[in-house]
Amino acid sequence: MVTKLDVSYVCPDCRSYLLLFGSITLIVKPCTNEKQGLLLIDPAMGKYEIIGNSRLDLTSMDCFDYYCPSCGSNLAATNTKKNMARIIVIDIDEKEYDLFFSRYFDEHSTFKVVEGDSA
């Protein structure tokens, strides 16, 4: 059985699909050390539930770099949003928008940008 999803989350570089079992799946690496692992992020706007390996001790680390699990690209946003990571969301009508989320553990900030407007 194949379940089709209404919304897709993709890497801005390789366009690989990042949603698996209801979570956005990314590689996470703390900015301060070399340990890395997979991280599952709730895709709902305003929800900040994450699942990661307990050995990464995500709560004690400030900043994270996020990478695509398919191509390894760093998902850090460029230009004015240096403290944010970025992926692309494709809705049911095939409309694309950027989804930005904070690279800092205790900063709950997520927003989408559609054609230059923030929502």
N, C-alpha and C. Protein backbone atom coordinates (compact mmCIF):
# COMPACT_ATOMS: atom_id res chain seq x y z
N MET A 1 0.84 -1.18 0.00
CA MET A 1 0.00 0.00 0.00
C MET A 1 0.88 1.25 0.00
N VAL A 2 0.57 2.20 -0.84
CA VAL A 2 1.31 3.46 -0.92
C VAL A 2 0.38 4.58 -0.48
N THR A 3 0.85 5.39 0.44
CA THR A 3 0.09 6.55 0.90
C THR A 3 0.64 7.79 0.23
N LYS A 4 -0.23 8.56 -0.41
CA LYS A 4 0.19 9.80 -1.04
C LYS A 4 -0.04 10.95 -0.08
N LEU A 5 0.93 11.85 0.00
CA LEU A 5 0.85 12.98 0.90
C LEU A 5 0.45 14.23 0.13
N ASP A 6 -0.30 15.11 0.79
CA ASP A 6 -0.74 16.35 0.16
C ASP A 6 0.38 17.38 0.07
N VAL A 7 1.32 17.34 0.99
CA VAL A 7 2.39 18.32 1.05
C VAL A 7 3.72 17.58 0.98
N SER A 8 4.66 18.13 0.21
CA SER A 8 5.99 17.56 0.12
C SER A 8 7.01 18.55 0.65
N TYR A 9 8.02 18.04 1.31
CA TYR A 9 9.14 18.83 1.82
C TYR A 9 10.37 18.34 1.08
N VAL A 10 11.08 19.26 0.42
CA VAL A 10 12.21 18.85 -0.42
C VAL A 10 13.45 19.67 -0.12
N CYS A 11 14.59 19.08 -0.45
CA CYS A 11 15.88 19.75 -0.34
C CYS A 11 15.96 20.82 -1.43
N PRO A 12 16.42 22.03 -1.10
CA PRO A 12 16.54 23.08 -2.11
C PRO A 12 17.59 22.78 -3.18
N ASP A 13 18.54 21.88 -2.89
CA ASP A 13 19.60 21.58 -3.85
C ASP A 13 19.28 20.39 -4.74
N CYS A 14 19.01 19.23 -4.13
CA CYS A 14 18.81 18.02 -4.93
C CYS A 14 17.34 17.67 -5.15
N ARG A 15 16.45 18.37 -4.48
CA ARG A 15 14.99 18.17 -4.60
C ARG A 15 14.53 16.80 -4.08
N SER A 16 15.33 16.16 -3.24
CA SER A 16 14.91 14.89 -2.61
C SER A 16 13.80 15.15 -1.61
N TYR A 17 12.90 14.20 -1.50
CA TYR A 17 11.80 14.31 -0.54
C TYR A 17 12.32 14.01 0.85
N LEU A 18 11.94 14.84 1.83
CA LEU A 18 12.47 14.76 3.18
C LEU A 18 11.46 14.25 4.20
N LEU A 19 10.19 14.10 3.83
CA LEU A 19 9.17 13.66 4.77
C LEU A 19 9.08 12.14 4.78
N LEU A 20 9.23 11.57 5.97
CA LEU A 20 9.18 10.12 6.13
C LEU A 20 8.47 9.81 7.44
N PHE A 21 7.47 8.96 7.39
CA PHE A 21 6.70 8.58 8.57
C PHE A 21 6.18 9.81 9.32
N GLY A 22 5.74 10.83 8.58
CA GLY A 22 5.14 12.00 9.19
C GLY A 22 6.11 13.02 9.76
N SER A 23 7.41 12.83 9.57
CA SER A 23 8.41 13.76 10.09
C SER A 23 9.39 14.17 8.99
N ILE A 24 9.87 15.40 9.07
CA ILE A 24 10.94 15.84 8.19
C ILE A 24 12.23 15.22 8.74
N THR A 25 12.93 14.51 7.89
CA THR A 25 14.14 13.80 8.30
C THR A 25 15.37 14.54 7.77
N LEU A 26 16.24 14.95 8.70
CA LEU A 26 17.45 15.69 8.34
C LEU A 26 18.64 15.13 9.10
N ILE A 27 19.82 15.40 8.58
CA ILE A 27 21.04 15.14 9.34
C ILE A 27 21.29 16.39 10.17
N VAL A 28 21.60 16.21 11.43
CA VAL A 28 21.88 17.34 12.31
C VAL A 28 23.30 17.19 12.85
N LYS A 29 24.00 18.33 12.89
CA LYS A 29 25.34 18.36 13.45
C LYS A 29 25.45 19.62 14.30
N PRO A 30 25.71 19.47 15.59
CA PRO A 30 25.88 20.65 16.43
C PRO A 30 27.05 21.50 15.93
N CYS A 31 26.90 22.81 15.98
CA CYS A 31 27.94 23.73 15.50
C CYS A 31 29.23 23.61 16.30
N THR A 32 29.14 23.09 17.54
CA THR A 32 30.30 23.09 18.42
C THR A 32 31.10 21.80 18.45
N ASN A 33 30.62 20.72 17.82
CA ASN A 33 31.41 19.48 17.82
C ASN A 33 31.12 18.64 16.59
N GLU A 34 31.76 17.49 16.49
CA GLU A 34 31.69 16.66 15.29
C GLU A 34 30.60 15.61 15.32
N LYS A 35 29.94 15.42 16.46
CA LYS A 35 28.89 14.40 16.51
C LYS A 35 27.75 14.79 15.59
N GLN A 36 27.21 13.81 14.88
CA GLN A 36 26.06 14.08 14.02
C GLN A 36 25.14 12.89 14.03
N GLY A 37 23.92 13.11 13.60
CA GLY A 37 22.95 12.03 13.54
C GLY A 37 21.71 12.48 12.80
N LEU A 38 20.74 11.59 12.75
CA LEU A 38 19.48 11.92 12.11
C LEU A 38 18.55 12.58 13.11
N LEU A 39 17.74 13.48 12.60
CA LEU A 39 16.78 14.19 13.43
C LEU A 39 15.44 14.16 12.72
N LEU A 40 14.39 13.90 13.46
CA LEU A 40 13.03 13.92 12.93
C LEU A 40 12.33 15.15 13.49
N ILE A 41 11.79 15.98 12.60
CA ILE A 41 11.16 17.24 12.98
C ILE A 41 9.69 17.20 12.60
N ASP A 42 8.83 17.63 13.51
CA ASP A 42 7.40 17.72 13.23
C ASP A 42 7.20 18.80 12.17
N PRO A 43 6.51 18.49 11.05
CA PRO A 43 6.37 19.47 9.98
C PRO A 43 5.31 20.54 10.24
N ALA A 44 4.49 20.41 11.26
CA ALA A 44 3.43 21.37 11.51
C ALA A 44 4.00 22.71 11.98
N MET A 45 3.54 23.79 11.36
CA MET A 45 3.97 25.12 11.77
C MET A 45 3.59 25.35 13.23
N GLY A 46 4.53 25.85 14.01
CA GLY A 46 4.28 26.14 15.41
C GLY A 46 4.49 24.98 16.35
N LYS A 47 4.77 23.80 15.81
CA LYS A 47 5.08 22.64 16.65
C LYS A 47 6.59 22.43 16.60
N TYR A 48 7.18 22.21 17.76
CA TYR A 48 8.63 22.12 17.83
C TYR A 48 9.09 20.80 18.43
N GLU A 49 8.33 19.76 18.18
CA GLU A 49 8.70 18.44 18.67
C GLU A 49 9.74 17.85 17.73
N ILE A 50 10.83 17.37 18.31
CA ILE A 50 11.88 16.72 17.54
C ILE A 50 12.22 15.39 18.18
N ILE A 51 12.72 14.49 17.36
CA ILE A 51 13.18 13.20 17.84
C ILE A 51 14.59 13.01 17.32
N GLY A 52 15.50 12.72 18.24
CA GLY A 52 16.89 12.49 17.86
C GLY A 52 17.52 11.50 18.81
N ASN A 53 18.67 11.01 18.47
CA ASN A 53 19.38 10.06 19.31
C ASN A 53 19.77 10.71 20.63
N SER A 54 19.55 10.02 21.73
CA SER A 54 19.84 10.59 23.05
C SER A 54 21.33 10.88 23.25
N ARG A 55 22.19 10.23 22.52
CA ARG A 55 23.63 10.48 22.66
C ARG A 55 24.05 11.84 22.08
N LEU A 56 23.20 12.44 21.26
CA LEU A 56 23.50 13.77 20.74
C LEU A 56 23.24 14.85 21.78
N ASP A 57 22.42 14.57 22.80
CA ASP A 57 22.09 15.51 23.87
C ASP A 57 21.74 16.88 23.28
N LEU A 58 20.69 16.90 22.49
CA LEU A 58 20.28 18.10 21.78
C LEU A 58 19.94 19.27 22.70
N THR A 59 19.46 19.00 23.89
CA THR A 59 19.05 20.08 24.78
C THR A 59 20.21 20.89 25.32
N SER A 60 21.42 20.35 25.32
CA SER A 60 22.56 21.08 25.87
C SER A 60 23.36 21.84 24.80
N MET A 61 22.92 21.79 23.56
CA MET A 61 23.65 22.42 22.48
C MET A 61 22.87 23.61 21.93
N ASP A 62 23.58 24.64 21.59
CA ASP A 62 22.93 25.86 21.12
C ASP A 62 22.55 25.79 19.65
N CYS A 63 23.53 25.71 18.81
CA CYS A 63 23.36 25.88 17.37
C CYS A 63 23.53 24.54 16.64
N PHE A 64 22.75 24.38 15.57
CA PHE A 64 22.81 23.17 14.76
C PHE A 64 23.00 23.53 13.30
N ASP A 65 23.73 22.69 12.59
CA ASP A 65 23.75 22.74 11.14
C ASP A 65 22.91 21.57 10.67
N TYR A 66 22.04 21.84 9.71
CA TYR A 66 21.17 20.81 9.16
C TYR A 66 21.64 20.49 7.74
N TYR A 67 21.60 19.20 7.40
CA TYR A 67 22.04 18.73 6.09
C TYR A 67 20.99 17.81 5.49
N CYS A 68 20.92 17.81 4.16
CA CYS A 68 20.04 16.90 3.45
C CYS A 68 20.56 15.48 3.61
N PRO A 69 19.72 14.52 3.98
CA PRO A 69 20.19 13.14 4.11
C PRO A 69 20.48 12.46 2.77
N SER A 70 20.03 13.05 1.67
CA SER A 70 20.30 12.46 0.36
C SER A 70 21.58 12.96 -0.28
N CYS A 71 21.74 14.29 -0.33
CA CYS A 71 22.91 14.85 -1.03
C CYS A 71 23.96 15.45 -0.10
N GLY A 72 23.63 15.63 1.16
CA GLY A 72 24.58 16.17 2.12
C GLY A 72 24.70 17.69 2.11
N SER A 73 23.89 18.38 1.32
CA SER A 73 23.96 19.84 1.27
C SER A 73 23.62 20.48 2.60
N ASN A 74 24.37 21.51 2.96
CA ASN A 74 24.07 22.29 4.15
C ASN A 74 22.81 23.11 3.87
N LEU A 75 21.83 23.03 4.76
CA LEU A 75 20.55 23.69 4.55
C LEU A 75 20.49 25.07 5.19
N ALA A 76 21.63 25.60 5.61
CA ALA A 76 21.64 26.94 6.21
C ALA A 76 21.15 27.95 5.18
N ALA A 77 20.25 28.83 5.62
CA ALA A 77 19.75 29.89 4.75
C ALA A 77 20.86 30.91 4.55
N THR A 78 20.89 31.52 3.39
CA THR A 78 21.92 32.51 3.09
C THR A 78 21.33 33.91 3.17
N ASN A 79 22.14 34.88 2.91
CA ASN A 79 21.76 36.29 2.92
C ASN A 79 21.33 36.76 4.30
N THR A 80 20.13 37.24 4.44
CA THR A 80 19.70 37.90 5.68
C THR A 80 19.24 36.94 6.76
N LYS A 81 19.09 35.68 6.45
CA LYS A 81 18.55 34.73 7.42
C LYS A 81 19.61 33.71 7.85
N LYS A 82 20.76 34.20 8.30
CA LYS A 82 21.89 33.33 8.62
C LYS A 82 21.64 32.43 9.83
N ASN A 83 20.72 32.80 10.69
CA ASN A 83 20.43 31.97 11.85
C ASN A 83 19.33 30.95 11.55
N MET A 84 18.94 30.85 10.29
CA MET A 84 17.86 29.96 9.89
C MET A 84 18.35 28.87 8.94
N ALA A 85 17.61 27.77 8.92
CA ALA A 85 17.79 26.73 7.91
C ALA A 85 16.61 26.82 6.95
N ARG A 86 16.77 26.27 5.76
CA ARG A 86 15.73 26.41 4.73
C ARG A 86 15.51 25.11 3.97
N ILE A 87 14.23 24.77 3.80
CA ILE A 87 13.82 23.71 2.89
C ILE A 87 12.66 24.24 2.06
N ILE A 88 12.25 23.48 1.08
CA ILE A 88 11.15 23.89 0.20
C ILE A 88 9.93 23.03 0.49
N VAL A 89 8.76 23.68 0.49
CA VAL A 89 7.49 22.97 0.67
C VAL A 89 6.71 23.09 -0.64
N ILE A 90 6.14 21.97 -1.08
CA ILE A 90 5.29 21.95 -2.27
C ILE A 90 3.91 21.51 -1.81
N ASP A 91 2.90 22.39 -2.00
CA ASP A 91 1.56 22.06 -1.51
C ASP A 91 0.79 21.22 -2.53
N ILE A 92 -0.43 20.90 -2.20
CA ILE A 92 -1.25 20.01 -3.04
C ILE A 92 -1.49 20.59 -4.43
N ASP A 93 -1.44 21.93 -4.56
CA ASP A 93 -1.63 22.58 -5.85
C ASP A 93 -0.32 22.80 -6.60
N GLU A 94 0.76 22.16 -6.13
CA GLU A 94 2.10 22.26 -6.72
C GLU A 94 2.71 23.66 -6.56
N LYS A 95 2.18 24.46 -5.65
CA LYS A 95 2.76 25.76 -5.35
C LYS A 95 3.91 25.56 -4.38
N GLU A 96 5.04 26.22 -4.64
CA GLU A 96 6.22 26.07 -3.81
C GLU A 96 6.44 27.30 -2.95
N TYR A 97 6.93 27.05 -1.74
CA TYR A 97 7.36 28.15 -0.89
C TYR A 97 8.51 27.69 -0.02
N ASP A 98 9.25 28.67 0.48
CA ASP A 98 10.39 28.38 1.35
C ASP A 98 9.90 28.25 2.78
N LEU A 99 10.44 27.28 3.48
CA LEU A 99 10.16 27.11 4.90
C LEU A 99 11.47 27.32 5.65
N PHE A 100 11.49 28.33 6.51
CA PHE A 100 12.66 28.65 7.30
C PHE A 100 12.41 28.23 8.75
N PHE A 101 13.44 27.69 9.39
CA PHE A 101 13.33 27.35 10.81
C PHE A 101 14.67 27.62 11.47
N SER A 102 14.60 27.93 12.76
CA SER A 102 15.77 28.37 13.49
C SER A 102 16.82 27.27 13.62
N ARG A 103 18.08 27.67 13.59
CA ARG A 103 19.20 26.75 13.81
C ARG A 103 19.56 26.67 15.29
N TYR A 104 18.82 27.38 16.13
CA TYR A 104 19.09 27.41 17.57
C TYR A 104 18.01 26.64 18.32
N PHE A 105 18.44 25.76 19.21
CA PHE A 105 17.53 24.84 19.89
C PHE A 105 16.43 25.56 20.65
N ASP A 106 16.77 26.60 21.38
CA ASP A 106 15.77 27.25 22.24
C ASP A 106 15.05 28.41 21.56
N GLU A 107 15.28 28.62 20.29
CA GLU A 107 14.60 29.69 19.55
C GLU A 107 13.53 29.06 18.66
N HIS A 108 12.31 29.08 19.12
CA HIS A 108 11.20 28.48 18.37
C HIS A 108 10.70 29.49 17.34
N SER A 109 11.24 29.37 16.16
CA SER A 109 10.91 30.31 15.09
C SER A 109 10.84 29.55 13.77
N THR A 110 9.66 29.58 13.15
CA THR A 110 9.45 28.93 11.87
C THR A 110 8.54 29.84 11.04
N PHE A 111 8.88 30.03 9.78
CA PHE A 111 7.97 30.81 8.93
C PHE A 111 8.15 30.39 7.49
N LYS A 112 7.12 30.67 6.71
CA LYS A 112 7.18 30.35 5.29
C LYS A 112 7.16 31.65 4.48
N VAL A 113 7.76 31.58 3.30
CA VAL A 113 7.80 32.72 2.41
C VAL A 113 7.22 32.28 1.07
N VAL A 114 6.18 33.00 0.64
CA VAL A 114 5.53 32.71 -0.63
C VAL A 114 5.70 33.94 -1.51
N GLU A 115 6.40 33.79 -2.62
CA GLU A 115 6.61 34.87 -3.59
C GLU A 115 7.04 36.16 -2.92
N GLY A 116 7.99 36.08 -1.99
CA GLY A 116 8.55 37.25 -1.36
C GLY A 116 7.80 37.77 -0.15
N ASP A 117 6.64 37.20 0.17
CA ASP A 117 5.88 37.61 1.34
C ASP A 117 6.05 36.59 2.44
N SER A 118 6.15 37.03 3.69
CA SER A 118 6.21 36.08 4.81
C SER A 118 4.82 35.86 5.36
N ALA A 119 4.58 34.63 5.80
CA ALA A 119 3.26 34.29 6.34
C ALA A 119 3.42 33.64 7.68
